[in-house]
Amino acid sequence: MRARQNIVTLKIKVEPRSSRAGVVGPYGDALKVKLTSPPVEGRANKELIEVLAKEFGVPKRDIEIVSGQGSKNKVVRFCNVKDIEEKLKDRMPFQQ
């Protein structure tokens, strides 16, 4: 996790086609997220943004997949956030 002003960049490990969608917890230096959508036509990416927005209370427009659109390993940027670091602290086993 890298934080700068009101921007947080986070590594995400996605598990598509799961029985339930949600944030699982740490996975190495990333955050593991399970998705019910298949990785077809951007459906999993869309669901990822929805899950992260709901989990962290951030508008979907403030979440962007920076890299890994076609991969299970992604980098996601949260913009215009203030308190997300506190919410992530409970989920991530590492510090900056």
C-alpha atoms as a PDB file:
ATOM      1  CA  MET A   1       0.000   0.000   0.000  1.00  0.00           C
ATOM      2  CA  ARG A   2       1.272   3.424  -0.935  1.00  0.00           C
ATOM      3  CA  ALA A   3      -0.504   6.573   0.236  1.00  0.00           C
ATOM      4  CA  ARG A   4       0.054  10.067  -1.060  1.00  0.00           C
ATOM      5  CA  GLN A   5      -2.148  13.002  -0.088  1.00  0.00           C
ATOM      6  CA  ASN A   6      -5.672  11.751  -0.809  1.00  0.00           C
ATOM      7  CA  ILE A   7      -4.569   8.893  -3.093  1.00  0.00           C
ATOM      8  CA  VAL A   8      -3.991   5.285  -2.005  1.00  0.00           C
ATOM      9  CA  THR A   9      -2.553   2.641  -4.338  1.00  0.00           C
ATOM     10  CA  LEU A  10      -3.156  -0.975  -3.428  1.00  0.00           C
ATOM     11  CA  LYS A  11      -2.214  -4.370  -4.879  1.00  0.00           C
ATOM     12  CA  ILE A  12      -5.186  -6.709  -5.288  1.00  0.00           C
ATOM     13  CA  LYS A  13      -5.305 -10.466  -5.899  1.00  0.00           C
ATOM     14  CA  VAL A  14      -8.645 -11.374  -7.511  1.00  0.00           C
ATOM     15  CA  GLU A  15     -10.349 -14.763  -7.380  1.00  0.00           C
ATOM     16  CA  PRO A  16     -13.137 -14.760 -10.003  1.00  0.00           C
ATOM     17  CA  ARG A  17     -16.028 -17.244 -10.156  1.00  0.00           C
ATOM     18  CA  SER A  18     -16.252 -17.607  -6.380  1.00  0.00           C
ATOM     19  CA  SER A  19     -19.454 -18.536  -4.588  1.00  0.00           C
ATOM     20  CA  ARG A  20     -19.439 -15.192  -2.709  1.00  0.00           C
ATOM     21  CA  ALA A  21     -18.030 -11.767  -3.423  1.00  0.00           C
ATOM     22  CA  GLY A  22     -16.079  -9.846  -0.820  1.00  0.00           C
ATOM     23  CA  VAL A  23     -12.737  -8.822   0.600  1.00  0.00           C
ATOM     24  CA  VAL A  24     -11.050 -11.892   2.101  1.00  0.00           C
ATOM     25  CA  GLY A  25      -7.933 -10.400   3.649  1.00  0.00           C
ATOM     26  CA  PRO A  26      -4.179 -10.257   3.106  1.00  0.00           C
ATOM     27  CA  TYR A  27      -2.512 -12.333   0.413  1.00  0.00           C
ATOM     28  CA  GLY A  28       1.241 -11.760   0.507  1.00  0.00           C
ATOM     29  CA  ASP A  29       1.684  -8.037  -0.063  1.00  0.00           C
ATOM     30  CA  ALA A  30      -1.776  -7.715  -1.625  1.00  0.00           C
ATOM     31  CA  LEU A  31      -5.405  -7.760  -0.580  1.00  0.00           C
ATOM     32  CA  LYS A  32      -7.382 -10.799  -1.744  1.00  0.00           C
ATOM     33  CA  VAL A  33     -10.866 -10.180  -3.136  1.00  0.00           C
ATOM     34  CA  LYS A  34     -13.304 -12.882  -4.220  1.00  0.00           C
ATOM     35  CA  LEU A  35     -15.708 -12.125  -7.070  1.00  0.00           C
ATOM     36  CA  THR A  36     -18.695 -14.060  -8.394  1.00  0.00           C
ATOM     37  CA  SER A  37     -18.293 -12.750 -11.951  1.00  0.00           C
ATOM     38  CA  PRO A  38     -16.237 -14.566 -14.579  1.00  0.00           C
ATOM     39  CA  PRO A  39     -13.241 -12.742 -16.046  1.00  0.00           C
ATOM     40  CA  VAL A  40     -15.090 -12.093 -19.313  1.00  0.00           C
ATOM     41  CA  GLU A  41     -15.758  -8.755 -21.039  1.00  0.00           C
ATOM     42  CA  GLY A  42     -14.650  -6.748 -18.003  1.00  0.00           C
ATOM     43  CA  ARG A  43     -17.372  -8.104 -15.713  1.00  0.00           C
ATOM     44  CA  ALA A  44     -14.913  -9.100 -12.972  1.00  0.00           C
ATOM     45  CA  ASN A  45     -13.224  -5.675 -13.101  1.00  0.00           C
ATOM     46  CA  LYS A  46     -16.591  -3.938 -12.785  1.00  0.00           C
ATOM     47  CA  GLU A  47     -17.554  -6.147  -9.850  1.00  0.00           C
ATOM     48  CA  LEU A  48     -14.163  -5.543  -8.202  1.00  0.00           C
ATOM     49  CA  ILE A  49     -14.783  -1.801  -8.196  1.00  0.00           C
ATOM     50  CA  GLU A  50     -18.277  -2.342  -6.765  1.00  0.00           C
ATOM     51  CA  VAL A  51     -16.995  -4.627  -3.993  1.00  0.00           C
ATOM     52  CA  LEU A  52     -14.177  -2.251  -3.022  1.00  0.00           C
ATOM     53  CA  ALA A  53     -16.510   0.758  -3.053  1.00  0.00           C
ATOM     54  CA  LYS A  54     -18.980  -0.976  -0.763  1.00  0.00           C
ATOM     55  CA  GLU A  55     -16.309  -2.398   1.560  1.00  0.00           C
ATOM     56  CA  PHE A  56     -14.448   0.865   2.096  1.00  0.00           C
ATOM     57  CA  GLY A  57     -17.298   3.364   1.686  1.00  0.00           C
ATOM     58  CA  VAL A  58     -15.759   5.071  -1.340  1.00  0.00           C
ATOM     59  CA  PRO A  59     -17.709   6.202  -4.428  1.00  0.00           C
ATOM     60  CA  LYS A  60     -17.104   3.943  -7.435  1.00  0.00           C
ATOM     61  CA  ARG A  61     -15.957   6.952  -9.463  1.00  0.00           C
ATOM     62  CA  ASP A  62     -12.991   7.331  -7.080  1.00  0.00           C
ATOM     63  CA  ILE A  63     -11.654   3.803  -7.710  1.00  0.00           C
ATOM     64  CA  GLU A  64      -9.543   3.011 -10.765  1.00  0.00           C
ATOM     65  CA  ILE A  65      -7.778  -0.150 -11.907  1.00  0.00           C
ATOM     66  CA  VAL A  66      -4.329   1.173 -12.813  1.00  0.00           C
ATOM     67  CA  SER A  67      -2.850  -2.089 -14.100  1.00  0.00           C
ATOM     68  CA  GLY A  68      -3.795  -5.730 -14.486  1.00  0.00           C
ATOM     69  CA  GLN A  69      -7.118  -5.333 -16.281  1.00  0.00           C
ATOM     70  CA  GLY A  70      -6.656  -8.785 -17.839  1.00  0.00           C
ATOM     71  CA  SER A  71      -4.900 -10.389 -14.869  1.00  0.00           C
ATOM     72  CA  LYS A  72      -5.740 -11.752 -11.431  1.00  0.00           C
ATOM     73  CA  ASN A  73      -3.056  -9.447 -10.009  1.00  0.00           C
ATOM     74  CA  LYS A  74      -4.142  -5.822 -10.162  1.00  0.00           C
ATOM     75  CA  VAL A  75      -3.117  -2.425  -8.902  1.00  0.00           C
ATOM     76  CA  VAL A  76      -6.015  -0.241  -7.813  1.00  0.00           C
ATOM     77  CA  ARG A  77      -5.954   3.485  -7.058  1.00  0.00           C
ATOM     78  CA  PHE A  78      -8.358   5.090  -4.591  1.00  0.00           C
ATOM     79  CA  CYS A  79      -8.681   8.853  -5.140  1.00  0.00           C
ATOM     80  CA  ASN A  80     -10.135  11.569  -2.891  1.00  0.00           C
ATOM     81  CA  VAL A  81      -9.997   9.378   0.201  1.00  0.00           C
ATOM     82  CA  LYS A  82      -9.178  10.392   3.733  1.00  0.00           C
ATOM     83  CA  ASP A  83      -9.924   7.555   6.131  1.00  0.00           C
ATOM     84  CA  ILE A  84      -9.245   4.509   3.961  1.00  0.00           C
ATOM     85  CA  GLU A  85      -5.836   3.932   5.561  1.00  0.00           C
ATOM     86  CA  GLU A  86      -7.551   3.279   8.905  1.00  0.00           C
ATOM     87  CA  LYS A  87      -9.943   0.811   7.273  1.00  0.00           C
ATOM     88  CA  LEU A  88      -7.067  -0.944   5.490  1.00  0.00           C
ATOM     89  CA  LYS A  89      -4.914  -1.154   8.609  1.00  0.00           C
ATOM     90  CA  ASP A  90      -7.235  -3.827  10.014  1.00  0.00           C
ATOM     91  CA  ARG A  91      -7.084  -5.816   6.761  1.00  0.00           C
ATOM     92  CA  MET A  92      -3.401  -5.639   5.884  1.00  0.00           C
ATOM     93  CA  PRO A  93      -0.589  -7.263   7.886  1.00  0.00           C
ATOM     94  CA  PHE A  94       2.097  -4.833   6.738  1.00  0.00           C
ATOM     95  CA  GLN A  95       2.957  -1.181   7.062  1.00  0.00           C
ATOM     96  CA  GLN A  96       4.277   1.262   4.462  1.00  0.00           C
END
